Structure formats: structure tokens, C-alpha cells
């Protein structure tokens, strides 16, 4: 099977526990997702991820057509790591690792996504034409939104409002 890897790193100017509190809350994902994707968590809300948790969403990545997406949280190691895998959705493979590491500047957050559209050549073509660039745009948006939330002078007030 052919797959792609997307890896993004970002320093958060907060302690690891504060970073964990925000990112391990599934409801906060909508805050860091571009509005045009119409992202909505449809499963029962919970404040923290846990191993075995099923989270359902709707998202409209293309032409405003809603797609149902279901992920399972397969691994949780507070406050250092959690992993989600797509069960139902637009990818034939979606494995997303969220890593957090205390560093002198605050917390190093690393996202690693293994993904594939299709095991066939058409999937590689779709990835090259638009999927990879769309994922990069989503993660670039997240980077900017996370900068606003965690790395500006008014950050701590914003985070407390959202958590």
C-alpha cells in the first residue's frame, strides 16, 4: 500500500499540562479547523480522549458536500501522546499521532499523519493534484490558529475561554 506522511512541529509557550488539556479535548478540534470545512463533532461530547473512544464528525472538504468521519482513539499516554485512526471517512488510511514534549520554551507539539486516499494509482494522482495541498492548508491554518491561542500576549485568556 502506498501512503504519505505529513509531519508538523510547533512550539507552544505553555506548559505540557496546559497543552494537553486543550488538545486532548475533542471539542477543541473545531476551534483549530478552518470554518469552510464545516467541521462538526457529532458524537457525545467528552472533555478528554481515552483509549477506545469513538469520535464521529461531519466535514465538508470539497464542494460543501458533508462527509461522515469516524475515528477511534487507539492510544493515550497523558500528557505526552494520543493516537487516532480513521474507521470511516474519506481516506483508505488515516493514522494521526499527537505528541507533546516539555522543552525550555514550553511544549513541543508534533503531529504525524500517515494517510492514503486509495491503494491504487488514482489515489496517488489525487494526492498529488489536490489532497496533499489541502491537508497542508488545513495544518497551516491550525498552525496560525494555535499561534494565536498559545503564543500571543492574550493567549492565556483565550485558552481558558475555549477549554
N, C-alpha and C. Protein backbone atom coordinates (compact mmCIF):
# COMPACT_ATOMS: atom_id res chain seq x y z
N UNK A 1 0.84 -1.20 0.00
CA UNK A 1 0.00 0.00 0.00
C UNK A 1 0.88 1.24 0.00
N UNK A 2 0.56 2.15 -0.87
CA UNK A 2 1.25 3.44 -0.91
C UNK A 2 0.61 4.38 0.12
N UNK A 3 1.43 5.07 0.89
CA UNK A 3 0.90 6.05 1.84
C UNK A 3 1.82 7.26 1.87
N UNK A 4 1.31 8.33 2.42
CA UNK A 4 2.04 9.59 2.55
C UNK A 4 2.20 9.91 4.03
N UNK A 5 3.18 10.74 4.32
CA UNK A 5 3.41 11.19 5.70
C UNK A 5 3.41 12.71 5.72
N UNK A 6 2.64 13.26 6.65
CA UNK A 6 2.62 14.70 6.91
C UNK A 6 3.13 14.88 8.33
N UNK A 7 4.14 15.71 8.52
CA UNK A 7 4.71 15.92 9.85
C UNK A 7 4.82 17.42 10.09
N UNK A 8 4.26 17.87 11.20
CA UNK A 8 4.30 19.29 11.56
C UNK A 8 4.72 19.43 13.02
N UNK A 9 5.56 20.43 13.29
CA UNK A 9 6.02 20.71 14.66
C UNK A 9 5.72 22.16 14.99
N UNK A 10 5.44 22.39 16.28
CA UNK A 10 5.15 23.76 16.72
C UNK A 10 5.48 23.87 18.20
N UNK A 11 6.09 24.98 18.58
CA UNK A 11 6.37 25.27 19.99
C UNK A 11 5.19 26.05 20.56
N UNK A 12 4.66 25.58 21.68
CA UNK A 12 3.60 26.28 22.39
C UNK A 12 4.23 26.90 23.63
N UNK A 13 3.97 28.15 23.87
CA UNK A 13 4.57 28.85 25.01
C UNK A 13 3.74 28.64 26.28
N UNK A 14 3.40 27.38 26.51
CA UNK A 14 2.68 26.98 27.73
C UNK A 14 3.26 25.65 28.19
N UNK A 15 2.98 25.29 29.44
CA UNK A 15 3.43 24.01 29.95
C UNK A 15 2.71 22.85 29.29
N UNK A 16 3.30 21.68 29.42
CA UNK A 16 2.77 20.49 28.77
C UNK A 16 1.36 20.14 29.27
N UNK A 17 1.07 20.36 30.54
CA UNK A 17 -0.27 20.05 31.08
C UNK A 17 -1.34 20.94 30.45
N UNK A 18 -1.02 22.22 30.29
CA UNK A 18 -1.98 23.14 29.66
C UNK A 18 -2.20 22.78 28.19
N UNK A 19 -1.11 22.43 27.50
CA UNK A 19 -1.24 22.00 26.10
C UNK A 19 -2.09 20.73 26.03
N UNK A 20 -1.81 19.77 26.90
CA UNK A 20 -2.56 18.51 26.93
C UNK A 20 -4.04 18.78 27.20
N UNK A 21 -4.34 19.64 28.16
CA UNK A 21 -5.75 19.92 28.49
C UNK A 21 -6.52 20.41 27.27
N UNK A 22 -5.90 21.23 26.46
CA UNK A 22 -6.58 21.76 25.27
C UNK A 22 -6.70 20.70 24.18
N UNK A 23 -5.60 20.08 23.79
CA UNK A 23 -5.60 19.19 22.63
C UNK A 23 -6.24 17.83 22.89
N UNK A 24 -6.32 17.42 24.14
CA UNK A 24 -6.96 16.13 24.44
C UNK A 24 -8.47 16.26 24.61
N UNK A 25 -9.01 17.46 24.42
CA UNK A 25 -10.45 17.68 24.45
C UNK A 25 -10.98 17.66 23.01
N UNK A 26 -11.71 16.62 22.61
CA UNK A 26 -12.17 16.52 21.21
C UNK A 26 -12.98 17.72 20.73
N UNK A 27 -13.67 18.40 21.64
CA UNK A 27 -14.48 19.55 21.23
C UNK A 27 -13.63 20.72 20.74
N UNK A 28 -12.36 20.77 21.14
CA UNK A 28 -11.50 21.87 20.72
C UNK A 28 -10.98 21.73 19.30
N UNK A 29 -11.17 20.57 18.68
CA UNK A 29 -10.71 20.39 17.31
C UNK A 29 -11.39 21.38 16.36
N UNK A 30 -12.65 21.67 16.60
CA UNK A 30 -13.36 22.62 15.74
C UNK A 30 -12.75 24.02 15.80
N UNK A 31 -12.16 24.37 16.93
CA UNK A 31 -11.57 25.70 17.10
C UNK A 31 -10.35 25.90 16.21
N UNK A 32 -9.65 24.80 15.88
CA UNK A 32 -8.43 24.90 15.09
C UNK A 32 -8.60 24.36 13.67
N UNK A 33 -9.86 24.23 13.23
CA UNK A 33 -10.16 23.75 11.89
C UNK A 33 -10.78 24.89 11.08
N UNK A 34 -10.36 25.07 9.84
CA UNK A 34 -10.92 26.16 9.03
C UNK A 34 -12.44 26.10 8.94
N UNK A 35 -13.09 27.26 9.07
CA UNK A 35 -14.56 27.33 9.05
C UNK A 35 -15.16 26.77 7.77
N UNK A 36 -14.47 26.94 6.62
CA UNK A 36 -15.04 26.49 5.35
C UNK A 36 -15.18 24.98 5.26
N UNK A 37 -14.58 24.23 6.18
CA UNK A 37 -14.74 22.77 6.19
C UNK A 37 -16.01 22.33 6.90
N UNK A 38 -16.72 23.28 7.53
CA UNK A 38 -17.96 22.98 8.25
C UNK A 38 -17.80 21.77 9.17
N UNK A 39 -16.70 21.76 9.92
CA UNK A 39 -16.37 20.66 10.82
C UNK A 39 -17.29 20.66 12.03
N UNK A 40 -17.84 19.49 12.35
CA UNK A 40 -18.75 19.39 13.49
C UNK A 40 -18.59 18.02 14.15
N UNK A 41 -18.30 18.03 15.45
CA UNK A 41 -18.26 16.78 16.20
C UNK A 41 -19.70 16.36 16.46
N UNK A 42 -20.07 15.13 16.05
CA UNK A 42 -21.45 14.67 16.18
C UNK A 42 -21.63 13.62 17.27
N UNK A 43 -20.53 13.13 17.82
CA UNK A 43 -20.64 12.14 18.90
C UNK A 43 -20.87 12.85 20.23
N UNK A 44 -21.22 12.05 21.22
CA UNK A 44 -21.45 12.57 22.57
C UNK A 44 -20.20 13.31 23.04
N UNK A 45 -20.34 14.55 23.51
CA UNK A 45 -19.16 15.30 23.92
C UNK A 45 -18.45 14.66 25.12
N UNK A 46 -17.14 14.75 25.11
CA UNK A 46 -16.35 14.35 26.27
C UNK A 46 -15.24 15.37 26.44
N UNK A 47 -14.76 15.52 27.66
CA UNK A 47 -13.73 16.52 27.92
C UNK A 47 -12.34 16.02 27.65
N UNK A 48 -12.12 14.72 27.64
CA UNK A 48 -10.79 14.16 27.41
C UNK A 48 -10.88 12.93 26.53
N UNK A 49 -9.84 12.71 25.73
CA UNK A 49 -9.77 11.50 24.93
C UNK A 49 -9.39 10.33 25.84
N UNK A 50 -9.81 9.14 25.43
CA UNK A 50 -9.43 7.92 26.15
C UNK A 50 -9.32 6.79 25.14
N UNK A 51 -8.47 5.82 25.44
CA UNK A 51 -8.26 4.70 24.53
C UNK A 51 -9.58 3.96 24.32
N UNK A 52 -9.88 3.68 23.08
CA UNK A 52 -11.13 3.02 22.72
C UNK A 52 -12.26 3.97 22.38
N UNK A 53 -12.06 5.25 22.61
CA UNK A 53 -13.10 6.24 22.33
C UNK A 53 -13.37 6.33 20.83
N UNK A 54 -14.64 6.37 20.48
CA UNK A 54 -15.08 6.58 19.10
C UNK A 54 -15.59 8.02 19.01
N UNK A 55 -15.06 8.76 18.04
CA UNK A 55 -15.49 10.14 17.83
C UNK A 55 -16.01 10.24 16.40
N UNK A 56 -17.20 10.81 16.25
CA UNK A 56 -17.77 11.00 14.91
C UNK A 56 -17.85 12.49 14.60
N UNK A 57 -17.70 12.78 13.30
CA UNK A 57 -17.69 14.16 12.82
C UNK A 57 -18.43 14.21 11.49
N UNK A 58 -18.77 15.41 11.10
CA UNK A 58 -19.07 15.68 9.70
C UNK A 58 -18.10 16.77 9.27
N UNK A 59 -17.69 16.69 8.03
CA UNK A 59 -16.76 17.66 7.46
C UNK A 59 -17.08 17.77 5.98
N UNK A 60 -16.87 18.97 5.43
CA UNK A 60 -17.15 19.20 4.01
C UNK A 60 -15.88 19.67 3.31
N UNK A 61 -15.00 18.74 2.94
CA UNK A 61 -13.73 19.14 2.35
C UNK A 61 -13.82 19.61 0.90
N UNK A 62 -14.85 19.17 0.17
CA UNK A 62 -14.96 19.55 -1.24
C UNK A 62 -16.42 19.87 -1.60
N UNK A 63 -16.60 20.97 -2.30
CA UNK A 63 -17.90 21.37 -2.83
C UNK A 63 -19.00 21.43 -1.77
N UNK A 64 -18.62 21.66 -0.53
CA UNK A 64 -19.57 21.78 0.59
C UNK A 64 -20.42 20.53 0.80
N UNK A 65 -19.97 19.39 0.27
CA UNK A 65 -20.68 18.13 0.45
C UNK A 65 -20.24 17.51 1.76
N UNK A 66 -21.18 17.30 2.72
CA UNK A 66 -20.78 16.76 4.01
C UNK A 66 -20.39 15.27 3.92
N UNK A 67 -19.32 14.94 4.62
CA UNK A 67 -18.83 13.57 4.69
C UNK A 67 -18.83 13.16 6.16
N UNK A 68 -19.28 11.96 6.43
CA UNK A 68 -19.22 11.44 7.80
C UNK A 68 -17.83 10.86 8.01
N UNK A 69 -17.28 11.12 9.20
CA UNK A 69 -15.95 10.66 9.54
C UNK A 69 -16.02 10.07 10.94
N UNK A 70 -15.42 8.91 11.12
CA UNK A 70 -15.39 8.26 12.43
C UNK A 70 -13.95 7.86 12.74
N UNK A 71 -13.47 8.27 13.91
CA UNK A 71 -12.13 7.88 14.34
C UNK A 71 -12.21 7.15 15.67
N UNK A 72 -11.19 6.36 15.92
CA UNK A 72 -11.03 5.70 17.21
C UNK A 72 -9.73 6.17 17.83
N UNK A 73 -9.79 6.55 19.09
CA UNK A 73 -8.58 6.88 19.84
C UNK A 73 -7.99 5.54 20.27
N UNK A 74 -6.82 5.22 19.76
CA UNK A 74 -6.26 3.89 19.99
C UNK A 74 -5.19 3.86 21.06
N UNK A 75 -4.61 5.02 21.37
CA UNK A 75 -3.53 5.06 22.35
C UNK A 75 -3.56 6.41 23.03
N UNK A 76 -3.48 6.41 24.35
CA UNK A 76 -3.44 7.66 25.12
C UNK A 76 -2.38 7.50 26.20
N UNK A 77 -1.43 8.43 26.21
CA UNK A 77 -0.37 8.46 27.23
C UNK A 77 -0.26 9.89 27.75
N UNK A 78 -1.18 10.30 28.68
CA UNK A 78 -1.19 11.68 29.16
C UNK A 78 0.12 12.03 29.89
N UNK A 79 0.64 13.20 29.72
CA UNK A 79 0.28 14.28 28.80
C UNK A 79 1.15 14.28 27.55
N UNK A 80 1.61 13.11 27.13
CA UNK A 80 2.63 13.04 26.09
C UNK A 80 2.14 12.66 24.70
N UNK A 81 1.06 11.90 24.61
CA UNK A 81 0.72 11.36 23.29
C UNK A 81 -0.71 10.84 23.26
N UNK A 82 -1.35 11.01 22.11
CA UNK A 82 -2.54 10.22 21.80
C UNK A 82 -2.58 10.00 20.29
N UNK A 83 -3.27 8.92 19.89
CA UNK A 83 -3.31 8.49 18.51
C UNK A 83 -4.75 8.26 18.10
N UNK A 84 -5.12 8.76 16.92
CA UNK A 84 -6.43 8.44 16.37
C UNK A 84 -6.28 7.80 15.00
N UNK A 85 -7.15 6.85 14.73
CA UNK A 85 -7.21 6.15 13.45
C UNK A 85 -8.61 6.28 12.88
N UNK A 86 -8.68 6.58 11.59
CA UNK A 86 -9.98 6.67 10.93
C UNK A 86 -10.57 5.27 10.77
N UNK A 87 -11.84 5.13 11.15
CA UNK A 87 -12.58 3.90 10.90
C UNK A 87 -13.45 4.04 9.66
N UNK A 88 -14.09 5.21 9.53
CA UNK A 88 -14.93 5.53 8.37
C UNK A 88 -14.59 6.95 7.95
N UNK A 89 -14.43 7.17 6.65
CA UNK A 89 -14.14 8.51 6.18
C UNK A 89 -13.53 8.51 4.80
N UNK A 90 -12.96 9.65 4.43
CA UNK A 90 -12.51 9.83 3.05
C UNK A 90 -11.17 9.15 2.71
N UNK A 91 -10.46 8.64 3.69
CA UNK A 91 -9.14 8.06 3.43
C UNK A 91 -9.19 6.55 3.55
N UNK A 92 -8.34 5.88 2.77
CA UNK A 92 -8.21 4.43 2.97
C UNK A 92 -7.30 4.16 4.16
N UNK A 93 -6.46 5.14 4.53
CA UNK A 93 -5.62 5.08 5.72
C UNK A 93 -5.53 6.46 6.32
N UNK A 94 -5.77 6.57 7.61
CA UNK A 94 -5.56 7.82 8.36
C UNK A 94 -5.13 7.42 9.76
N UNK A 95 -3.88 7.67 10.06
CA UNK A 95 -3.30 7.36 11.38
C UNK A 95 -2.62 8.64 11.83
N UNK A 96 -3.16 9.28 12.89
CA UNK A 96 -2.70 10.59 13.33
C UNK A 96 -2.14 10.49 14.74
N UNK A 97 -0.85 10.75 14.87
CA UNK A 97 -0.18 10.77 16.17
C UNK A 97 -0.02 12.21 16.63
N UNK A 98 -0.38 12.47 17.89
CA UNK A 98 -0.24 13.78 18.51
C UNK A 98 0.77 13.62 19.65
N UNK A 99 1.93 14.27 19.52
CA UNK A 99 2.99 14.15 20.53
C UNK A 99 3.21 15.49 21.22
N UNK A 100 3.49 15.44 22.53
CA UNK A 100 3.76 16.63 23.33
C UNK A 100 5.01 16.37 24.16
N UNK A 101 5.95 17.33 24.15
CA UNK A 101 7.20 17.17 24.89
C UNK A 101 7.53 18.49 25.57
N UNK A 102 7.80 18.44 26.86
CA UNK A 102 8.22 19.64 27.58
C UNK A 102 9.60 20.05 27.09
N UNK A 103 9.73 21.32 26.75
CA UNK A 103 11.01 21.89 26.31
C UNK A 103 11.18 23.22 27.06
N UNK A 104 12.40 23.77 27.09
CA UNK A 104 12.60 25.03 27.83
C UNK A 104 11.66 26.16 27.42
N UNK A 105 11.25 26.21 26.14
CA UNK A 105 10.37 27.28 25.66
C UNK A 105 8.91 27.04 26.00
N UNK A 106 8.56 25.83 26.45
CA UNK A 106 7.16 25.48 26.75
C UNK A 106 6.90 24.03 26.40
N UNK A 107 6.18 23.81 25.30
CA UNK A 107 5.83 22.45 24.86
C UNK A 107 6.05 22.34 23.36
N UNK A 108 6.77 21.29 22.96
CA UNK A 108 6.92 20.98 21.55
C UNK A 108 5.78 20.04 21.18
N UNK A 109 4.95 20.47 20.24
CA UNK A 109 3.85 19.64 19.76
C UNK A 109 4.22 19.14 18.37
N UNK A 110 4.08 17.84 18.17
CA UNK A 110 4.39 17.24 16.86
C UNK A 110 3.18 16.44 16.40
N UNK A 111 2.71 16.73 15.21
CA UNK A 111 1.67 15.95 14.55
C UNK A 111 2.33 15.11 13.48
N UNK A 112 2.03 13.81 13.47
CA UNK A 112 2.50 12.92 12.42
C UNK A 112 1.27 12.21 11.87
N UNK A 113 1.01 12.38 10.57
CA UNK A 113 -0.15 11.78 9.94
C UNK A 113 0.34 10.85 8.81
N UNK A 114 -0.06 9.59 8.90
CA UNK A 114 0.13 8.64 7.81
C UNK A 114 -1.23 8.55 7.12
N UNK A 115 -1.27 8.80 5.82
CA UNK A 115 -2.56 8.78 5.13
C UNK A 115 -2.42 8.25 3.72
N UNK A 116 -3.53 7.75 3.21
CA UNK A 116 -3.61 7.31 1.83
C UNK A 116 -5.04 7.52 1.36
N UNK A 117 -5.19 7.97 0.14
CA UNK A 117 -6.52 8.15 -0.45
C UNK A 117 -7.03 6.82 -0.97
N UNK A 118 -6.17 6.12 -1.65
CA UNK A 118 -6.53 4.85 -2.27
C UNK A 118 -5.25 4.08 -2.52
N UNK A 119 -5.31 2.77 -2.42
CA UNK A 119 -4.10 2.00 -2.71
C UNK A 119 -3.77 1.95 -4.20
N UNK A 120 -4.62 2.51 -5.02
CA UNK A 120 -4.44 2.45 -6.46
C UNK A 120 -3.78 3.73 -6.98
N UNK A 121 -3.35 3.70 -8.21
CA UNK A 121 -2.65 4.83 -8.83
C UNK A 121 -3.50 6.10 -8.81
N UNK A 122 -4.81 5.97 -8.95
CA UNK A 122 -5.69 7.13 -8.92
C UNK A 122 -5.56 7.90 -7.60
N UNK A 123 -5.39 7.18 -6.50
CA UNK A 123 -5.20 7.82 -5.20
C UNK A 123 -3.92 8.65 -5.16
N UNK A 124 -2.85 8.14 -5.75
CA UNK A 124 -1.59 8.89 -5.79
C UNK A 124 -1.73 10.14 -6.66
N UNK A 125 -2.49 10.02 -7.74
CA UNK A 125 -2.72 11.18 -8.61
C UNK A 125 -3.55 12.23 -7.86
N UNK A 126 -4.63 11.80 -7.19
CA UNK A 126 -5.47 12.73 -6.42
C UNK A 126 -4.65 13.42 -5.33
N UNK A 127 -3.78 12.66 -4.67
CA UNK A 127 -2.93 13.24 -3.64
C UNK A 127 -2.03 14.32 -4.23
N UNK A 128 -1.41 14.02 -5.34
CA UNK A 128 -0.50 14.98 -5.97
C UNK A 128 -1.25 16.22 -6.48
N UNK A 129 -2.47 16.04 -6.98
CA UNK A 129 -3.22 17.15 -7.56
C UNK A 129 -3.84 18.08 -6.52
N UNK A 130 -4.43 17.51 -5.44
CA UNK A 130 -5.12 18.40 -4.51
C UNK A 130 -5.14 17.96 -3.05
N UNK A 131 -5.06 16.69 -2.74
CA UNK A 131 -5.22 16.26 -1.34
C UNK A 131 -4.07 16.76 -0.48
N UNK A 132 -2.84 16.56 -0.93
CA UNK A 132 -1.68 16.99 -0.14
C UNK A 132 -1.72 18.50 0.10
N UNK A 133 -2.04 19.27 -0.93
CA UNK A 133 -2.07 20.72 -0.74
C UNK A 133 -3.21 21.12 0.20
N UNK A 134 -4.35 20.43 0.12
CA UNK A 134 -5.46 20.75 1.03
C UNK A 134 -5.08 20.42 2.48
N UNK A 135 -4.45 19.28 2.71
CA UNK A 135 -4.01 18.94 4.06
C UNK A 135 -2.99 19.94 4.58
N UNK A 136 -2.06 20.35 3.73
CA UNK A 136 -1.09 21.36 4.15
C UNK A 136 -1.78 22.67 4.51
N UNK A 137 -2.79 23.07 3.74
CA UNK A 137 -3.53 24.30 4.05
C UNK A 137 -4.24 24.17 5.40
N UNK A 138 -4.83 23.01 5.67
CA UNK A 138 -5.52 22.79 6.95
C UNK A 138 -4.52 22.88 8.10
N UNK A 139 -3.38 22.24 7.96
CA UNK A 139 -2.39 22.27 9.03
C UNK A 139 -1.71 23.64 9.13
N UNK A 140 -1.59 24.37 8.03
CA UNK A 140 -1.09 25.74 8.10
C UNK A 140 -2.07 26.63 8.85
N UNK A 141 -3.38 26.44 8.59
CA UNK A 141 -4.40 27.18 9.32
C UNK A 141 -4.29 26.86 10.82
N UNK A 142 -4.18 25.57 11.14
CA UNK A 142 -4.04 25.16 12.54
C UNK A 142 -2.83 25.83 13.19
N UNK A 143 -1.72 25.85 12.46
CA UNK A 143 -0.51 26.46 13.00
C UNK A 143 -0.79 27.92 13.38
N UNK A 144 -1.40 28.68 12.47
CA UNK A 144 -1.70 30.09 12.74
C UNK A 144 -2.69 30.24 13.90
N UNK A 145 -3.72 29.41 13.91
CA UNK A 145 -4.73 29.49 14.98
C UNK A 145 -4.11 29.14 16.34
N UNK A 146 -3.24 28.13 16.35
CA UNK A 146 -2.56 27.73 17.59
C UNK A 146 -1.61 28.83 18.04
N UNK A 147 -0.94 29.49 17.10
CA UNK A 147 -0.10 30.64 17.46
C UNK A 147 -0.94 31.69 18.18
N UNK A 148 -2.11 32.00 17.62
CA UNK A 148 -3.00 32.99 18.25
C UNK A 148 -3.43 32.55 19.64
N UNK A 149 -3.75 31.28 19.79
CA UNK A 149 -4.26 30.78 21.06
C UNK A 149 -3.20 30.64 22.14
N UNK A 150 -1.99 30.25 21.75
CA UNK A 150 -0.97 29.91 22.74
C UNK A 150 0.22 30.84 22.78
N UNK A 151 0.50 31.58 21.72
CA UNK A 151 1.77 32.28 21.65
C UNK A 151 1.65 33.79 21.49
N UNK A 152 0.51 34.36 21.89
CA UNK A 152 0.37 35.81 21.89
C UNK A 152 0.15 36.28 23.32
N UNK A 153 0.23 37.58 23.53
CA UNK A 153 0.10 38.13 24.89
C UNK A 153 -1.26 37.83 25.51
N UNK A 154 -2.31 37.74 24.69
CA UNK A 154 -3.64 37.48 25.23
C UNK A 154 -3.99 35.99 25.21
N UNK A 155 -3.00 35.13 24.94
CA UNK A 155 -3.24 33.70 24.78
C UNK A 155 -3.90 33.05 25.96
N UNK A 156 -3.40 33.28 27.17
CA UNK A 156 -3.92 32.53 28.32
C UNK A 156 -5.40 32.81 28.54
N UNK A 157 -5.85 34.02 28.27
CA UNK A 157 -7.28 34.32 28.40
C UNK A 157 -8.09 33.56 27.35
N UNK A 158 -7.59 33.50 26.11
CA UNK A 158 -8.29 32.80 25.03
C UNK A 158 -8.39 31.31 25.32
N UNK A 159 -7.32 30.72 25.80
CA UNK A 159 -7.30 29.27 26.06
C UNK A 159 -8.30 28.94 27.15
N UNK A 160 -8.32 29.71 28.21
CA UNK A 160 -9.24 29.43 29.31
C UNK A 160 -10.70 29.53 28.87
N UNK A 161 -11.00 30.41 27.89
CA UNK A 161 -12.36 30.52 27.37
C UNK A 161 -12.75 29.30 26.55
N UNK A 162 -11.79 28.69 25.86
CA UNK A 162 -12.11 27.61 24.93
C UNK A 162 -12.10 26.25 25.59
N UNK A 163 -11.32 26.06 26.64
CA UNK A 163 -11.21 24.72 27.25
C UNK A 163 -12.43 24.42 28.08
